[in-house]
Each structure stands twice: as C-alpha cells, then as structure tokens.
C-alpha cells in the first residue's frame, strides 16, 4: 500500500557550481557537504513531507550543469512537475546564463510545469546580483523567486515546501498528471552517480 497521497518530480537545473546539490542535500539530509566535487550526469533523492495533513513524496532530481551532460539532463525535463532554476548570487555568469536555461524549459518541459528561480549563496559577502534584479527577472518570466543559502539553510525548507504546496494545489485541481511515469533516458537504468558534493 502506498504511504503517500502524491508523488511529484522536482528537477534542479543551472550552471555547474551554483549549489544545486547542496540545496538538495540540505533539504533531504539536513547537511551541507563541504567538498568541491561536481555532479556527474543526474542524481536524485527522495523526501516525504506533509501538506494539509496528506503525505507528499518529492522525487528531487539534481542535474549536472556542464554542457557535456546536457543531452542526458534534458530528458528529465519532460517528466518534471516543477523545475528549480538556480544561479549563484556571487557569479554574474550564472545569472547571465538564465535565458539559456529558460529556453531549454520551453523546448523540453511540459506546459503545466511549476518554475522557481533561486538565487543561492546569499551567505557570501561578494554578492554580484542584487535581490531586486533577480525579482525583476522572475517577474518577467512568470517564475516564483527566492534567495537561499544552502550553507546556512536560509529559505531551503521554504523553497521545497512551497513547491510541495503549489503542486498539491494543482493536483487537487486536476492540473497535473501525478502518476509515476519516470522516464529513464538510457533505457531502463538511471544514470546516477554517487551523490557528490557541490562547489561552495
């Protein structure tokens, strides 16, 4: 018997080194990995949360940001219920790459996908992207915006719980396909590496 009401697939995308893995591990395991390694291919973790008294299972996919893995990661967009586009508030290049990631969403994701824009690493002092710039970008592209710190756990829980609540609401309004139809691009096996630490 299933121990949850809904299963939602959440996919994180963005340049390498912006902290996607750190966000996932902070939320699912409550820890901040200290290493410098980058994700290879696609990793995933699962966490069950409670929304309005009902159990919701989040299947969180952490994708590699490097160009050479793009063909692999694009296949995961199709099954996603929510996409989190992450940039590093201390890295102008990661912010300037956002239009490219949004183009991929338009090409490969479903029309009902929930999209969040996340400016990560707000614990650092060398901030290059002011909050209002991120807010303006998200408004132009109809995305929900949050700034986070995986290191200090700022807004990490809120990010994933807001997604769980938003998807539950859409599911109850019959706006989502919540059946488990995960597609594995390599033909039956998930290209998953051991969960590696992100760059901090």
C-alpha atoms as a PDB file:
ATOM      1  CA  UNK A   1       0.000   0.000   0.000  1.00  0.00           C
ATOM      2  CA  UNK A   2       1.315   3.414  -0.925  1.00  0.00           C
ATOM      3  CA  UNK A   3       2.321   5.565   2.032  1.00  0.00           C
ATOM      4  CA  UNK A   4       1.783   8.881   0.247  1.00  0.00           C
ATOM      5  CA  UNK A   5      -1.005  10.757  -1.496  1.00  0.00           C
ATOM      6  CA  UNK A   6       1.023  12.388  -4.270  1.00  0.00           C
ATOM      7  CA  UNK A   7       4.375  11.837  -5.930  1.00  0.00           C
ATOM      8  CA  UNK A   8       5.957  14.901  -7.523  1.00  0.00           C
ATOM      9  CA  UNK A   9       9.137  15.101  -9.571  1.00  0.00           C
ATOM     10  CA  UNK A  10      11.241  18.205  -8.969  1.00  0.00           C
ATOM     11  CA  UNK A  11      14.268  18.918 -11.176  1.00  0.00           C
ATOM     12  CA  UNK A  12      17.057  21.385 -10.382  1.00  0.00           C
ATOM     13  CA  UNK A  13      18.900  22.998 -13.280  1.00  0.00           C
ATOM     14  CA  UNK A  14      21.516  25.718 -13.632  1.00  0.00           C
ATOM     15  CA  UNK A  15      25.209  26.240 -14.251  1.00  0.00           C
ATOM     16  CA  UNK A  16      27.790  23.987 -12.633  1.00  0.00           C
ATOM     17  CA  UNK A  17      28.854  25.153  -9.190  1.00  0.00           C
ATOM     18  CA  UNK A  18      25.777  27.208  -8.257  1.00  0.00           C
ATOM     19  CA  UNK A  19      24.938  24.881  -5.359  1.00  0.00           C
ATOM     20  CA  UNK A  20      22.177  22.605  -6.660  1.00  0.00           C
ATOM     21  CA  UNK A  21      23.495  19.529  -4.863  1.00  0.00           C
ATOM     22  CA  UNK A  22      23.931  21.493  -1.643  1.00  0.00           C
ATOM     23  CA  UNK A  23      20.304  22.632  -1.762  1.00  0.00           C
ATOM     24  CA  UNK A  24      19.090  19.071  -2.291  1.00  0.00           C
ATOM     25  CA  UNK A  25      21.213  17.600   0.463  1.00  0.00           C
ATOM     26  CA  UNK A  26      20.411  20.386   2.902  1.00  0.00           C
ATOM     27  CA  UNK A  27      16.694  19.721   2.409  1.00  0.00           C
ATOM     28  CA  UNK A  28      16.736  15.916   2.269  1.00  0.00           C
ATOM     29  CA  UNK A  29      19.536  15.137   4.733  1.00  0.00           C
ATOM     30  CA  UNK A  30      19.901  18.323   6.755  1.00  0.00           C
ATOM     31  CA  UNK A  31      23.590  18.627   5.967  1.00  0.00           C
ATOM     32  CA  UNK A  32      25.888  20.860   3.986  1.00  0.00           C
ATOM     33  CA  UNK A  33      28.532  18.908   2.042  1.00  0.00           C
ATOM     34  CA  UNK A  34      31.966  20.517   2.412  1.00  0.00           C
ATOM     35  CA  UNK A  35      33.581  19.104  -0.730  1.00  0.00           C
ATOM     36  CA  UNK A  36      34.198  20.615  -4.142  1.00  0.00           C
ATOM     37  CA  UNK A  37      33.040  17.821  -6.446  1.00  0.00           C
ATOM     38  CA  UNK A  38      30.502  18.330  -9.238  1.00  0.00           C
ATOM     39  CA  UNK A  39      27.501  16.148 -10.036  1.00  0.00           C
ATOM     40  CA  UNK A  40      28.080  13.661 -12.841  1.00  0.00           C
ATOM     41  CA  UNK A  41      25.012  13.158 -15.022  1.00  0.00           C
ATOM     42  CA  UNK A  42      21.903  13.047 -12.829  1.00  0.00           C
ATOM     43  CA  UNK A  43      21.373  12.204  -9.154  1.00  0.00           C
ATOM     44  CA  UNK A  44      18.166  12.004  -7.198  1.00  0.00           C
ATOM     45  CA  UNK A  45      16.956  11.886  -3.627  1.00  0.00           C
ATOM     46  CA  UNK A  46      13.516  11.430  -2.126  1.00  0.00           C
ATOM     47  CA  UNK A  47      11.850  13.107   0.817  1.00  0.00           C
ATOM     48  CA  UNK A  48       8.285  12.800   2.065  1.00  0.00           C
ATOM     49  CA  UNK A  49       6.660  15.901   3.529  1.00  0.00           C
ATOM     50  CA  UNK A  50       3.198  16.712   4.831  1.00  0.00           C
ATOM     51  CA  UNK A  51       0.873  19.175   3.135  1.00  0.00           C
ATOM     52  CA  UNK A  52      -2.564  19.834   4.662  1.00  0.00           C
ATOM     53  CA  UNK A  53      -2.427  16.557   6.563  1.00  0.00           C
ATOM     54  CA  UNK A  54      -1.511  14.495   3.489  1.00  0.00           C
ATOM     55  CA  UNK A  55       1.818  12.851   2.725  1.00  0.00           C
ATOM     56  CA  UNK A  56       3.554  14.146  -0.385  1.00  0.00           C
ATOM     57  CA  UNK A  57       6.624  12.431  -1.782  1.00  0.00           C
ATOM     58  CA  UNK A  58       9.133  14.654  -3.557  1.00  0.00           C
ATOM     59  CA  UNK A  59      11.459  12.936  -6.000  1.00  0.00           C
ATOM     60  CA  UNK A  60      14.198  15.540  -6.384  1.00  0.00           C
ATOM     61  CA  UNK A  61      16.480  15.294  -9.409  1.00  0.00           C
ATOM     62  CA  UNK A  62      19.828  17.076  -9.276  1.00  0.00           C
ATOM     63  CA  UNK A  63      21.258  17.594 -12.761  1.00  0.00           C
ATOM     64  CA  UNK A  64      24.804  18.338 -13.857  1.00  0.00           C
ATOM     65  CA  UNK A  65      25.333  21.860 -15.114  1.00  0.00           C
ATOM     66  CA  UNK A  66      28.152  21.103 -17.542  1.00  0.00           C
ATOM     67  CA  UNK A  67      27.409  21.345 -21.248  1.00  0.00           C
ATOM     68  CA  UNK A  68      28.609  17.792 -21.942  1.00  0.00           C
ATOM     69  CA  UNK A  69      25.781  16.337 -19.835  1.00  0.00           C
ATOM     70  CA  UNK A  70      23.061  18.460 -21.397  1.00  0.00           C
ATOM     71  CA  UNK A  71      21.665  15.706 -23.640  1.00  0.00           C
ATOM     72  CA  UNK A  72      21.180  13.489 -20.585  1.00  0.00           C
ATOM     73  CA  UNK A  73      19.629  16.098 -18.340  1.00  0.00           C
ATOM     74  CA  UNK A  74      17.210  17.453 -20.955  1.00  0.00           C
ATOM     75  CA  UNK A  75      15.328  14.156 -20.954  1.00  0.00           C
ATOM     76  CA  UNK A  76      14.383  14.698 -17.310  1.00  0.00           C
ATOM     77  CA  UNK A  77      12.549  17.929 -18.021  1.00  0.00           C
ATOM     78  CA  UNK A  78       9.653  16.081 -19.648  1.00  0.00           C
ATOM     79  CA  UNK A  79       8.588  14.214 -16.524  1.00  0.00           C
ATOM     80  CA  UNK A  80       9.119  17.158 -14.167  1.00  0.00           C
ATOM     81  CA  UNK A  81       6.231  18.673 -12.241  1.00  0.00           C
ATOM     82  CA  UNK A  82       8.466  21.512 -11.001  1.00  0.00           C
ATOM     83  CA  UNK A  83      11.738  22.996 -12.173  1.00  0.00           C
ATOM     84  CA  UNK A  84      14.101  24.963  -9.949  1.00  0.00           C
ATOM     85  CA  UNK A  85      16.448  27.202 -11.922  1.00  0.00           C
ATOM     86  CA  UNK A  86      19.429  28.035  -9.691  1.00  0.00           C
ATOM     87  CA  UNK A  87      22.032  30.754 -10.062  1.00  0.00           C
ATOM     88  CA  UNK A  88      24.826  31.928  -7.765  1.00  0.00           C
ATOM     89  CA  UNK A  89      24.231  35.452  -6.461  1.00  0.00           C
ATOM     90  CA  UNK A  90      28.030  35.880  -6.391  1.00  0.00           C
ATOM     91  CA  UNK A  91      28.524  34.842 -10.018  1.00  0.00           C
ATOM     92  CA  UNK A  92      27.360  37.164 -12.794  1.00  0.00           C
ATOM     93  CA  UNK A  93      27.925  34.480 -15.425  1.00  0.00           C
ATOM     94  CA  UNK A  94      25.485  32.076 -13.780  1.00  0.00           C
ATOM     95  CA  UNK A  95      22.809  34.777 -13.857  1.00  0.00           C
ATOM     96  CA  UNK A  96      23.545  35.701 -17.463  1.00  0.00           C
ATOM     97  CA  UNK A  97      23.077  32.042 -18.403  1.00  0.00           C
ATOM     98  CA  UNK A  98      19.462  32.016 -17.189  1.00  0.00           C
ATOM     99  CA  UNK A  99      17.904  32.772 -20.620  1.00  0.00           C
ATOM    100  CA  UNK A 100      19.599  29.670 -21.991  1.00  0.00           C
ATOM    101  CA  UNK A 101      18.100  27.522 -19.222  1.00  0.00           C
ATOM    102  CA  UNK A 102      14.667  29.057 -19.781  1.00  0.00           C
ATOM    103  CA  UNK A 103      14.961  28.249 -23.457  1.00  0.00           C
ATOM    104  CA  UNK A 104      15.564  24.608 -22.553  1.00  0.00           C
ATOM    105  CA  UNK A 105      12.484  24.631 -20.320  1.00  0.00           C
ATOM    106  CA  UNK A 106      10.429  25.962 -23.216  1.00  0.00           C
ATOM    107  CA  UNK A 107      11.797  23.276 -25.521  1.00  0.00           C
ATOM    108  CA  UNK A 108      11.667  20.234 -23.269  1.00  0.00           C
ATOM    109  CA  UNK A 109       9.373  20.753 -20.254  1.00  0.00           C
ATOM    110  CA  UNK A 110       5.623  20.269 -20.055  1.00  0.00           C
ATOM    111  CA  UNK A 111       3.248  23.219 -20.256  1.00  0.00           C
ATOM    112  CA  UNK A 112       1.977  22.750 -16.681  1.00  0.00           C
ATOM    113  CA  UNK A 113       5.422  22.735 -15.045  1.00  0.00           C
ATOM    114  CA  UNK A 114       5.875  24.920 -11.961  1.00  0.00           C
ATOM    115  CA  UNK A 115       9.026  27.043 -12.209  1.00  0.00           C
ATOM    116  CA  UNK A 116      11.064  28.633  -9.427  1.00  0.00           C
ATOM    117  CA  UNK A 117      14.045  30.953  -9.750  1.00  0.00           C
ATOM    118  CA  UNK A 118      16.546  30.605  -6.918  1.00  0.00           C
ATOM    119  CA  UNK A 119      19.495  32.866  -6.150  1.00  0.00           C
ATOM    120  CA  UNK A 120      21.757  30.726  -3.962  1.00  0.00           C
ATOM    121  CA  UNK A 121      24.767  31.503  -1.685  1.00  0.00           C
ATOM    122  CA  UNK A 122      23.358  34.619  -0.011  1.00  0.00           C
ATOM    123  CA  UNK A 123      25.609  33.833   2.976  1.00  0.00           C
ATOM    124  CA  UNK A 124      28.583  35.109   0.967  1.00  0.00           C
ATOM    125  CA  UNK A 125      29.581  38.784   1.023  1.00  0.00           C
ATOM    126  CA  UNK A 126      30.723  39.096  -2.594  1.00  0.00           C
ATOM    127  CA  UNK A 127      27.188  39.433  -3.953  1.00  0.00           C
ATOM    128  CA  UNK A 128      27.087  40.443  -7.620  1.00  0.00           C
ATOM    129  CA  UNK A 129      23.357  40.065  -8.335  1.00  0.00           C
ATOM    130  CA  UNK A 130      21.150  42.344  -6.187  1.00  0.00           C
ATOM    131  CA  UNK A 131      17.890  40.867  -4.926  1.00  0.00           C
ATOM    132  CA  UNK A 132      15.744  43.267  -6.950  1.00  0.00           C
ATOM    133  CA  UNK A 133      17.439  42.158 -10.196  1.00  0.00           C
ATOM    134  CA  UNK A 134      16.530  38.535  -9.509  1.00  0.00           C
ATOM    135  CA  UNK A 135      12.988  39.571  -8.615  1.00  0.00           C
ATOM    136  CA  UNK A 136      12.595  41.559 -11.830  1.00  0.00           C
ATOM    137  CA  UNK A 137      13.853  38.653 -13.923  1.00  0.00           C
ATOM    138  CA  UNK A 138      11.467  36.220 -12.251  1.00  0.00           C
ATOM    139  CA  UNK A 139       8.518  38.562 -12.757  1.00  0.00           C
ATOM    140  CA  UNK A 140       9.291  38.972 -16.451  1.00  0.00           C
ATOM    141  CA  UNK A 141       9.293  35.211 -16.874  1.00  0.00           C
ATOM    142  CA  UNK A 142       6.406  34.348 -14.542  1.00  0.00           C
ATOM    143  CA  UNK A 143       8.535  32.462 -12.027  1.00  0.00           C
ATOM    144  CA  UNK A 144       8.421  32.316  -8.246  1.00  0.00           C
ATOM    145  CA  UNK A 145      11.577  33.862  -6.776  1.00  0.00           C
ATOM    146  CA  UNK A 146      13.568  33.024  -3.650  1.00  0.00           C
ATOM    147  CA  UNK A 147      17.084  33.660  -2.414  1.00  0.00           C
ATOM    148  CA  UNK A 148      18.670  30.850  -0.420  1.00  0.00           C
ATOM    149  CA  UNK A 149      21.750  29.749   1.450  1.00  0.00           C
ATOM    150  CA  UNK A 150      22.317  26.016   1.453  1.00  0.00           C
ATOM    151  CA  UNK A 151      25.201  26.575   3.859  1.00  0.00           C
ATOM    152  CA  UNK A 152      23.123  28.374   6.472  1.00  0.00           C
ATOM    153  CA  UNK A 153      19.841  26.688   5.492  1.00  0.00           C
ATOM    154  CA  UNK A 154      18.158  30.013   4.716  1.00  0.00           C
ATOM    155  CA  UNK A 155      14.875  29.501   2.809  1.00  0.00           C
ATOM    156  CA  UNK A 156      15.791  25.940   1.759  1.00  0.00           C
ATOM    157  CA  UNK A 157      12.902  24.316   3.614  1.00  0.00           C
ATOM    158  CA  UNK A 158      10.587  27.085   2.405  1.00  0.00           C
ATOM    159  CA  UNK A 159      11.630  26.510  -1.212  1.00  0.00           C
ATOM    160  CA  UNK A 160      10.731  22.838  -1.298  1.00  0.00           C
ATOM    161  CA  UNK A 161       7.655  23.183   0.896  1.00  0.00           C
ATOM    162  CA  UNK A 162       6.313  25.982  -1.314  1.00  0.00           C
ATOM    163  CA  UNK A 163       6.788  23.675  -4.281  1.00  0.00           C
ATOM    164  CA  UNK A 164       5.061  20.786  -2.493  1.00  0.00           C
ATOM    165  CA  UNK A 165       2.139  23.036  -1.561  1.00  0.00           C
ATOM    166  CA  UNK A 166       1.861  24.522  -5.047  1.00  0.00           C
ATOM    167  CA  UNK A 167       1.933  21.125  -6.740  1.00  0.00           C
ATOM    168  CA  UNK A 168      -0.572  19.652  -4.282  1.00  0.00           C
ATOM    169  CA  UNK A 169      -2.942  22.519  -5.046  1.00  0.00           C
ATOM    170  CA  UNK A 170      -2.567  21.946  -8.790  1.00  0.00           C
ATOM    171  CA  UNK A 171      -3.037  18.197  -8.376  1.00  0.00           C
ATOM    172  CA  UNK A 172      -6.266  18.696  -6.444  1.00  0.00           C
ATOM    173  CA  UNK A 173      -7.478  20.933  -9.252  1.00  0.00           C
ATOM    174  CA  UNK A 174      -6.618  18.124 -11.711  1.00  0.00           C
ATOM    175  CA  UNK A 175      -3.996  20.269 -13.443  1.00  0.00           C
ATOM    176  CA  UNK A 176      -1.200  17.724 -13.081  1.00  0.00           C
ATOM    177  CA  UNK A 177      -0.525  14.147 -14.066  1.00  0.00           C
ATOM    178  CA  UNK A 178       0.630  12.673 -10.754  1.00  0.00           C
ATOM    179  CA  UNK A 179       1.113   9.093 -11.874  1.00  0.00           C
ATOM    180  CA  UNK A 180       4.653   7.762 -11.589  1.00  0.00           C
ATOM    181  CA  UNK A 181       5.852   7.809 -15.185  1.00  0.00           C
ATOM    182  CA  UNK A 182       9.531   8.467 -14.694  1.00  0.00           C
ATOM    183  CA  UNK A 183      11.385   8.102 -17.968  1.00  0.00           C
ATOM    184  CA  UNK A 184      14.961   6.920 -17.823  1.00  0.00           C
ATOM    185  CA  UNK A 185      16.789   8.322 -20.858  1.00  0.00           C
ATOM    186  CA  UNK A 186      19.283   5.471 -21.033  1.00  0.00           C
ATOM    187  CA  UNK A 187      16.574   2.854 -21.463  1.00  0.00           C
ATOM    188  CA  UNK A 188      15.714   1.478 -18.065  1.00  0.00           C
ATOM    189  CA  UNK A 189      18.547   2.382 -15.761  1.00  0.00           C
ATOM    190  CA  UNK A 190      19.064   5.724 -14.125  1.00  0.00           C
ATOM    191  CA  UNK A 191      22.414   7.403 -14.923  1.00  0.00           C
ATOM    192  CA  UNK A 192      23.069   8.082 -11.284  1.00  0.00           C
ATOM    193  CA  UNK A 193      26.401   8.686  -9.709  1.00  0.00           C
ATOM    194  CA  UNK A 194      27.095   8.553  -6.023  1.00  0.00           C
ATOM    195  CA  UNK A 195      25.682  11.782  -4.616  1.00  0.00           C
ATOM    196  CA  UNK A 196      28.604  14.146  -4.910  1.00  0.00           C
ATOM    197  CA  UNK A 197      29.294  17.346  -3.056  1.00  0.00           C
ATOM    198  CA  UNK A 198      28.766  20.651  -4.742  1.00  0.00           C
ATOM    199  CA  UNK A 199      31.064  23.601  -5.032  1.00  0.00           C
ATOM    200  CA  UNK A 200      30.616  26.089  -2.257  1.00  0.00           C
END
